[in-house]
Amino acid sequence: MRSMSRSTSHQGFTLVELIIVIVLLGILAAVGSNMLSDSFTTTRMVDDSNASKAEARYVLERLTREIREVKYLNVGNYCIERISGVDTMTASRLVFDKRSNNLSLDRDTCSIDSNRVTINYSAPNLTLAYATPAQSATLSDRVAPAGFALRYLRSDGTTAASTSETVYFVEISLTLTDATGAQGIAQRVRVALRNS
């Protein structure tokens, strides 16, 4: 009788090899998921920061456009209001009259052919309001605490103390917080008032 030769090689994996593979795959999955999670977090933070920068630019451009339109009188003063004898030129509030239309040439009084505009900051909201027609809008609801300030400057760049002085520039400082609250976006602009 002839004996059949059998192959001595075995097919398949041992239990130890399978356990080693499972452990290595688990380590790779844990490292990969952490990297993926970190990249999503970073992307969200960058998007929030970009959105905050865009909002800050919009707010400053809108305020700049409004403040440039302060009505100028023949006597050499701008129509920055005093309400009940109190200056409205504060770090958080400004009330002024601007021309109601581009055809108006009345430069003798603030009350004729003008529209009263109010810029007001009460943390965290920054609002812009018009008297005619009566409208109010929140420009931003994410202004950081003490993140908004108006500064009024004379022609030589020194600070004007009250509305009795002629203001030539208004400096706006703005700090917005992003949606995650992790970062503040600070911007500043100096607005030159028009004389016409």
C-alpha atoms as a PDB file:
ATOM      1  CA  MET A   1       0.000   0.000   0.000  1.00  0.00           C
ATOM      2  CA  ARG A   2       1.032   3.210  -0.915  1.00  0.00           C
ATOM      3  CA  SER A   3       0.588   6.017   1.578  1.00  0.00           C
ATOM      4  CA  MET A   4      -0.797   9.274   0.449  1.00  0.00           C
ATOM      5  CA  SER A   5       1.373  12.240   1.113  1.00  0.00           C
ATOM      6  CA  ARG A   6      -0.320  14.982   2.975  1.00  0.00           C
ATOM      7  CA  SER A   7       0.540  18.631   2.851  1.00  0.00           C
ATOM      8  CA  THR A   8       1.887  19.896   6.119  1.00  0.00           C
ATOM      9  CA  SER A   9       1.002  23.569   5.464  1.00  0.00           C
ATOM     10  CA  HIS A  10      -2.022  24.924   7.252  1.00  0.00           C
ATOM     11  CA  GLN A  11      -4.393  27.526   5.847  1.00  0.00           C
ATOM     12  CA  GLY A  12      -5.893  30.380   7.911  1.00  0.00           C
ATOM     13  CA  PHE A  13      -4.771  32.566  10.810  1.00  0.00           C
ATOM     14  CA  THR A  14      -4.050  31.730  14.359  1.00  0.00           C
ATOM     15  CA  LEU A  15      -6.032  33.315  17.177  1.00  0.00           C
ATOM     16  CA  VAL A  16      -3.001  35.354  18.265  1.00  0.00           C
ATOM     17  CA  GLU A  17      -2.614  36.834  14.776  1.00  0.00           C
ATOM     18  CA  LEU A  18      -6.283  37.823  14.681  1.00  0.00           C
ATOM     19  CA  ILE A  19      -6.086  39.521  18.078  1.00  0.00           C
ATOM     20  CA  ILE A  20      -2.989  41.489  17.015  1.00  0.00           C
ATOM     21  CA  VAL A  21      -4.733  42.680  13.835  1.00  0.00           C
ATOM     22  CA  ILE A  22      -7.859  43.724  15.756  1.00  0.00           C
ATOM     23  CA  VAL A  23      -5.777  45.688  18.295  1.00  0.00           C
ATOM     24  CA  LEU A  24      -3.819  47.461  15.519  1.00  0.00           C
ATOM     25  CA  LEU A  25      -7.011  48.349  13.637  1.00  0.00           C
ATOM     26  CA  GLY A  26      -8.519  49.719  16.870  1.00  0.00           C
ATOM     27  CA  ILE A  27      -5.489  51.949  17.458  1.00  0.00           C
ATOM     28  CA  LEU A  28      -5.594  53.235  13.864  1.00  0.00           C
ATOM     29  CA  ALA A  29      -9.342  53.907  14.124  1.00  0.00           C
ATOM     30  CA  ALA A  30      -8.914  55.841  17.394  1.00  0.00           C
ATOM     31  CA  VAL A  31      -6.105  58.001  15.971  1.00  0.00           C
ATOM     32  CA  GLY A  32      -8.000  58.550  12.711  1.00  0.00           C
ATOM     33  CA  SER A  33     -11.240  59.541  14.438  1.00  0.00           C
ATOM     34  CA  ASN A  34      -9.387  62.053  16.659  1.00  0.00           C
ATOM     35  CA  MET A  35      -7.735  63.599  13.598  1.00  0.00           C
ATOM     36  CA  LEU A  36     -11.074  63.772  11.782  1.00  0.00           C
ATOM     37  CA  SER A  37     -12.813  65.299  14.802  1.00  0.00           C
ATOM     38  CA  ASP A  38     -10.040  67.896  15.201  1.00  0.00           C
ATOM     39  CA  SER A  39     -10.265  68.854  11.535  1.00  0.00           C
ATOM     40  CA  PHE A  40     -14.043  69.373  11.821  1.00  0.00           C
ATOM     41  CA  THR A  41     -13.560  71.488  14.951  1.00  0.00           C
ATOM     42  CA  THR A  42     -10.898  73.595  13.240  1.00  0.00           C
ATOM     43  CA  THR A  43     -13.082  74.069  10.166  1.00  0.00           C
ATOM     44  CA  ARG A  44     -16.013  75.208  12.330  1.00  0.00           C
ATOM     45  CA  MET A  45     -13.799  77.664  14.238  1.00  0.00           C
ATOM     46  CA  VAL A  46     -12.393  79.137  11.004  1.00  0.00           C
ATOM     47  CA  ASP A  47     -15.900  79.484   9.540  1.00  0.00           C
ATOM     48  CA  ASP A  48     -17.154  81.205  12.714  1.00  0.00           C
ATOM     49  CA  SER A  49     -14.160  83.544  12.719  1.00  0.00           C
ATOM     50  CA  ASN A  50     -14.699  84.448   9.049  1.00  0.00           C
ATOM     51  CA  ALA A  51     -18.402  85.075   9.667  1.00  0.00           C
ATOM     52  CA  SER A  52     -17.543  87.352  12.611  1.00  0.00           C
ATOM     53  CA  LYS A  53     -15.022  89.279  10.513  1.00  0.00           C
ATOM     54  CA  ALA A  54     -17.605  89.749   7.768  1.00  0.00           C
ATOM     55  CA  GLU A  55     -20.190  90.937  10.294  1.00  0.00           C
ATOM     56  CA  ALA A  56     -17.696  93.371  11.853  1.00  0.00           C
ATOM     57  CA  ARG A  57     -16.859  94.786   8.410  1.00  0.00           C
ATOM     58  CA  TYR A  58     -20.561  95.188   7.616  1.00  0.00           C
ATOM     59  CA  VAL A  59     -21.283  96.965  10.914  1.00  0.00           C
ATOM     60  CA  LEU A  60     -18.350  99.367  10.500  1.00  0.00           C
ATOM     61  CA  GLU A  61     -19.223 100.116   6.869  1.00  0.00           C
ATOM     62  CA  ARG A  62     -22.846 100.806   7.783  1.00  0.00           C
ATOM     63  CA  LEU A  63     -21.932 103.090  10.688  1.00  0.00           C
ATOM     64  CA  THR A  64     -19.315 104.855   8.567  1.00  0.00           C
ATOM     65  CA  ARG A  65     -21.852 105.535   5.834  1.00  0.00           C
ATOM     66  CA  GLU A  66     -24.345 106.973   8.337  1.00  0.00           C
ATOM     67  CA  ILE A  67     -21.869 109.076  10.317  1.00  0.00           C
ATOM     68  CA  ARG A  68     -20.420 110.639   7.156  1.00  0.00           C
ATOM     69  CA  GLU A  69     -23.862 112.082   6.448  1.00  0.00           C
ATOM     70  CA  VAL A  70     -24.106 114.236   9.598  1.00  0.00           C
ATOM     71  CA  LYS A  71     -25.692 117.504   8.495  1.00  0.00           C
ATOM     72  CA  TYR A  72     -23.328 120.478   8.434  1.00  0.00           C
ATOM     73  CA  LEU A  73     -24.536 124.003   9.191  1.00  0.00           C
ATOM     74  CA  ASN A  74     -23.406 127.327   7.756  1.00  0.00           C
ATOM     75  CA  VAL A  75     -22.235 128.378  11.226  1.00  0.00           C
ATOM     76  CA  GLY A  76     -19.531 125.713  11.108  1.00  0.00           C
ATOM     77  CA  ASN A  77     -21.063 123.043  13.336  1.00  0.00           C
ATOM     78  CA  TYR A  78     -22.490 119.609  12.699  1.00  0.00           C
ATOM     79  CA  CYS A  79     -25.983 118.594  13.807  1.00  0.00           C
ATOM     80  CA  ILE A  80     -24.930 116.364  16.686  1.00  0.00           C
ATOM     81  CA  GLU A  81     -27.783 116.515  19.160  1.00  0.00           C
ATOM     82  CA  ARG A  82     -28.092 117.547  22.750  1.00  0.00           C
ATOM     83  CA  ILE A  83     -31.156 115.944  24.313  1.00  0.00           C
ATOM     84  CA  SER A  84     -32.518 117.668  27.419  1.00  0.00           C
ATOM     85  CA  GLY A  85     -29.255 119.604  27.673  1.00  0.00           C
ATOM     86  CA  VAL A  86     -27.158 116.427  27.736  1.00  0.00           C
ATOM     87  CA  ASP A  87     -24.595 115.579  25.075  1.00  0.00           C
ATOM     88  CA  THR A  88     -25.389 112.480  23.075  1.00  0.00           C
ATOM     89  CA  MET A  89     -21.733 112.200  22.109  1.00  0.00           C
ATOM     90  CA  THR A  90     -20.858 109.392  24.477  1.00  0.00           C
ATOM     91  CA  ALA A  91     -18.702 106.339  24.011  1.00  0.00           C
ATOM     92  CA  SER A  92     -21.797 104.173  23.566  1.00  0.00           C
ATOM     93  CA  ARG A  93     -24.329 106.545  21.991  1.00  0.00           C
ATOM     94  CA  LEU A  94     -24.531 109.127  19.235  1.00  0.00           C
ATOM     95  CA  VAL A  95     -27.620 111.008  18.071  1.00  0.00           C
ATOM     96  CA  PHE A  96     -27.352 113.254  15.016  1.00  0.00           C
ATOM     97  CA  ASP A  97     -29.347 114.708  12.149  1.00  0.00           C
ATOM     98  CA  LYS A  98     -28.548 113.919   8.568  1.00  0.00           C
ATOM     99  CA  ARG A  99     -30.033 115.350   5.426  1.00  0.00           C
ATOM    100  CA  SER A 100     -33.299 113.638   4.544  1.00  0.00           C
ATOM    101  CA  ASN A 101     -32.645 113.905   0.811  1.00  0.00           C
ATOM    102  CA  ASN A 102     -29.794 114.894  -1.444  1.00  0.00           C
ATOM    103  CA  LEU A 103     -31.710 117.851  -2.872  1.00  0.00           C
ATOM    104  CA  SER A 104     -31.949 119.679   0.456  1.00  0.00           C
ATOM    105  CA  LEU A 105     -29.700 122.706   0.642  1.00  0.00           C
ATOM    106  CA  ASP A 106     -31.021 124.068   3.951  1.00  0.00           C
ATOM    107  CA  ARG A 107     -27.955 124.557   6.115  1.00  0.00           C
ATOM    108  CA  ASP A 108     -29.389 127.019   8.613  1.00  0.00           C
ATOM    109  CA  THR A 109     -31.016 124.642  11.102  1.00  0.00           C
ATOM    110  CA  CYS A 110     -30.751 120.991  12.023  1.00  0.00           C
ATOM    111  CA  SER A 111     -34.516 120.464  12.217  1.00  0.00           C
ATOM    112  CA  ILE A 112     -35.426 121.284   8.588  1.00  0.00           C
ATOM    113  CA  ASP A 113     -35.014 118.633   5.892  1.00  0.00           C
ATOM    114  CA  SER A 114     -33.262 116.243   8.221  1.00  0.00           C
ATOM    115  CA  ASN A 115     -33.691 112.807   9.693  1.00  0.00           C
ATOM    116  CA  ARG A 116     -32.575 111.975  13.232  1.00  0.00           C
ATOM    117  CA  VAL A 117     -30.287 108.939  13.504  1.00  0.00           C
ATOM    118  CA  THR A 118     -29.433 107.162  16.763  1.00  0.00           C
ATOM    119  CA  ILE A 119     -26.526 104.773  17.227  1.00  0.00           C
ATOM    120  CA  ASN A 120     -26.764 102.996  20.553  1.00  0.00           C
ATOM    121  CA  TYR A 121     -24.744 100.246  22.224  1.00  0.00           C
ATOM    122  CA  SER A 122     -26.120  98.255  25.121  1.00  0.00           C
ATOM    123  CA  ALA A 123     -24.157  95.027  25.523  1.00  0.00           C
ATOM    124  CA  PRO A 124     -24.310  92.824  23.537  1.00  0.00           C
ATOM    125  CA  ASN A 125     -26.564  94.712  21.079  1.00  0.00           C
ATOM    126  CA  LEU A 126     -25.587  97.521  18.730  1.00  0.00           C
ATOM    127  CA  THR A 127     -28.593  99.270  17.186  1.00  0.00           C
ATOM    128  CA  LEU A 128     -29.198 101.882  14.522  1.00  0.00           C
ATOM    129  CA  ALA A 129     -32.498 103.800  14.554  1.00  0.00           C
ATOM    130  CA  TYR A 130     -34.125 106.412  12.324  1.00  0.00           C
ATOM    131  CA  ALA A 131     -36.799 108.897  13.386  1.00  0.00           C
ATOM    132  CA  THR A 132     -38.506 109.256   9.987  1.00  0.00           C
ATOM    133  CA  PRO A 133     -39.825 106.765   9.172  1.00  0.00           C
ATOM    134  CA  ALA A 134     -39.505 105.261  12.624  1.00  0.00           C
ATOM    135  CA  GLN A 135     -37.248 102.233  12.179  1.00  0.00           C
ATOM    136  CA  SER A 136     -34.762 100.435  14.323  1.00  0.00           C
ATOM    137  CA  ALA A 137     -32.394  97.620  13.451  1.00  0.00           C
ATOM    138  CA  THR A 138     -29.926  95.568  15.427  1.00  0.00           C
ATOM    139  CA  LEU A 139     -26.639  95.690  13.538  1.00  0.00           C
ATOM    140  CA  SER A 140     -25.046  93.057  15.758  1.00  0.00           C
ATOM    141  CA  ASP A 141     -26.017  91.057  18.808  1.00  0.00           C
ATOM    142  CA  ARG A 142     -22.519  89.701  19.429  1.00  0.00           C
ATOM    143  CA  VAL A 143     -20.625  92.767  20.567  1.00  0.00           C
ATOM    144  CA  ALA A 144     -18.195  91.845  23.328  1.00  0.00           C
ATOM    145  CA  PRO A 145     -18.631  93.434  26.754  1.00  0.00           C
ATOM    146  CA  ALA A 146     -17.051  96.897  26.479  1.00  0.00           C
ATOM    147  CA  GLY A 147     -16.498  96.013  22.821  1.00  0.00           C
ATOM    148  CA  PHE A 148     -17.877  99.185  21.272  1.00  0.00           C
ATOM    149  CA  ALA A 149     -16.642 102.734  21.671  1.00  0.00           C
ATOM    150  CA  LEU A 150     -17.046 106.015  19.837  1.00  0.00           C
ATOM    151  CA  ARG A 151     -14.395 108.699  20.115  1.00  0.00           C
ATOM    152  CA  TYR A 152     -14.892 112.226  18.811  1.00  0.00           C
ATOM    153  CA  LEU A 153     -11.897 114.105  17.456  1.00  0.00           C
ATOM    154  CA  ARG A 154     -11.137 117.699  16.511  1.00  0.00           C
ATOM    155  CA  SER A 155      -9.359 118.580  13.270  1.00  0.00           C
ATOM    156  CA  ASP A 156      -5.958 118.169  14.946  1.00  0.00           C
ATOM    157  CA  GLY A 157      -6.807 114.642  16.156  1.00  0.00           C
ATOM    158  CA  THR A 158      -7.309 115.516  19.833  1.00  0.00           C
ATOM    159  CA  THR A 159     -10.433 114.396  21.653  1.00  0.00           C
ATOM    160  CA  ALA A 160     -13.431 116.737  21.577  1.00  0.00           C
ATOM    161  CA  ALA A 161     -15.104 117.073  24.946  1.00  0.00           C
ATOM    162  CA  SER A 162     -18.666 118.005  23.929  1.00  0.00           C
ATOM    163  CA  THR A 163     -21.017 118.912  21.089  1.00  0.00           C
ATOM    164  CA  SER A 164     -20.127 122.573  21.574  1.00  0.00           C
ATOM    165  CA  GLU A 165     -16.795 121.811  19.900  1.00  0.00           C
ATOM    166  CA  THR A 166     -16.559 121.121  16.197  1.00  0.00           C
ATOM    167  CA  VAL A 167     -16.013 117.431  15.617  1.00  0.00           C
ATOM    168  CA  TYR A 168     -14.189 116.506  12.417  1.00  0.00           C
ATOM    169  CA  PHE A 169     -13.630 112.784  12.947  1.00  0.00           C
ATOM    170  CA  VAL A 170     -15.434 109.966  14.718  1.00  0.00           C
ATOM    171  CA  GLU A 171     -13.381 106.923  15.630  1.00  0.00           C
ATOM    172  CA  ILE A 172     -15.296 103.657  15.977  1.00  0.00           C
ATOM    173  CA  SER A 173     -13.835 100.680  17.865  1.00  0.00           C
ATOM    174  CA  LEU A 174     -15.683  97.377  17.628  1.00  0.00           C
ATOM    175  CA  THR A 175     -15.008  93.914  19.045  1.00  0.00           C
ATOM    176  CA  LEU A 176     -17.303  91.034  18.139  1.00  0.00           C
ATOM    177  CA  THR A 177     -17.205  87.559  19.633  1.00  0.00           C
ATOM    178  CA  ASP A 178     -17.475  84.615  17.282  1.00  0.00           C
ATOM    179  CA  ALA A 179     -20.253  82.054  17.661  1.00  0.00           C
ATOM    180  CA  THR A 180     -18.089  79.725  19.738  1.00  0.00           C
ATOM    181  CA  GLY A 181     -17.052  82.579  22.025  1.00  0.00           C
ATOM    182  CA  ALA A 182     -13.456  81.471  21.698  1.00  0.00           C
ATOM    183  CA  GLN A 183     -12.173  84.488  19.820  1.00  0.00           C
ATOM    184  CA  GLY A 184     -12.828  88.214  19.637  1.00  0.00           C
ATOM    185  CA  ILE A 185     -12.622  90.080  16.338  1.00  0.00           C
ATOM    186  CA  ALA A 186     -11.445  93.671  16.902  1.00  0.00           C
ATOM    187  CA  GLN A 187     -11.589  96.400  14.277  1.00  0.00           C
ATOM    188  CA  ARG A 188     -11.310 100.184  14.291  1.00  0.00           C
ATOM    189  CA  VAL A 189     -12.056 102.910  11.773  1.00  0.00           C
ATOM    190  CA  ARG A 190     -11.793 106.712  11.735  1.00  0.00           C
ATOM    191  CA  VAL A 191     -14.600 108.481   9.891  1.00  0.00           C
ATOM    192  CA  ALA A 192     -14.101 111.975   8.443  1.00  0.00           C
ATOM    193  CA  LEU A 193     -17.303 114.025   8.557  1.00  0.00           C
ATOM    194  CA  ARG A 194     -18.318 115.749   5.345  1.00  0.00           C
ATOM    195  CA  ASN A 195     -18.728 119.511   5.091  1.00  0.00           C
ATOM    196  CA  SER A 196     -21.339 119.513   2.346  1.00  0.00           C
END
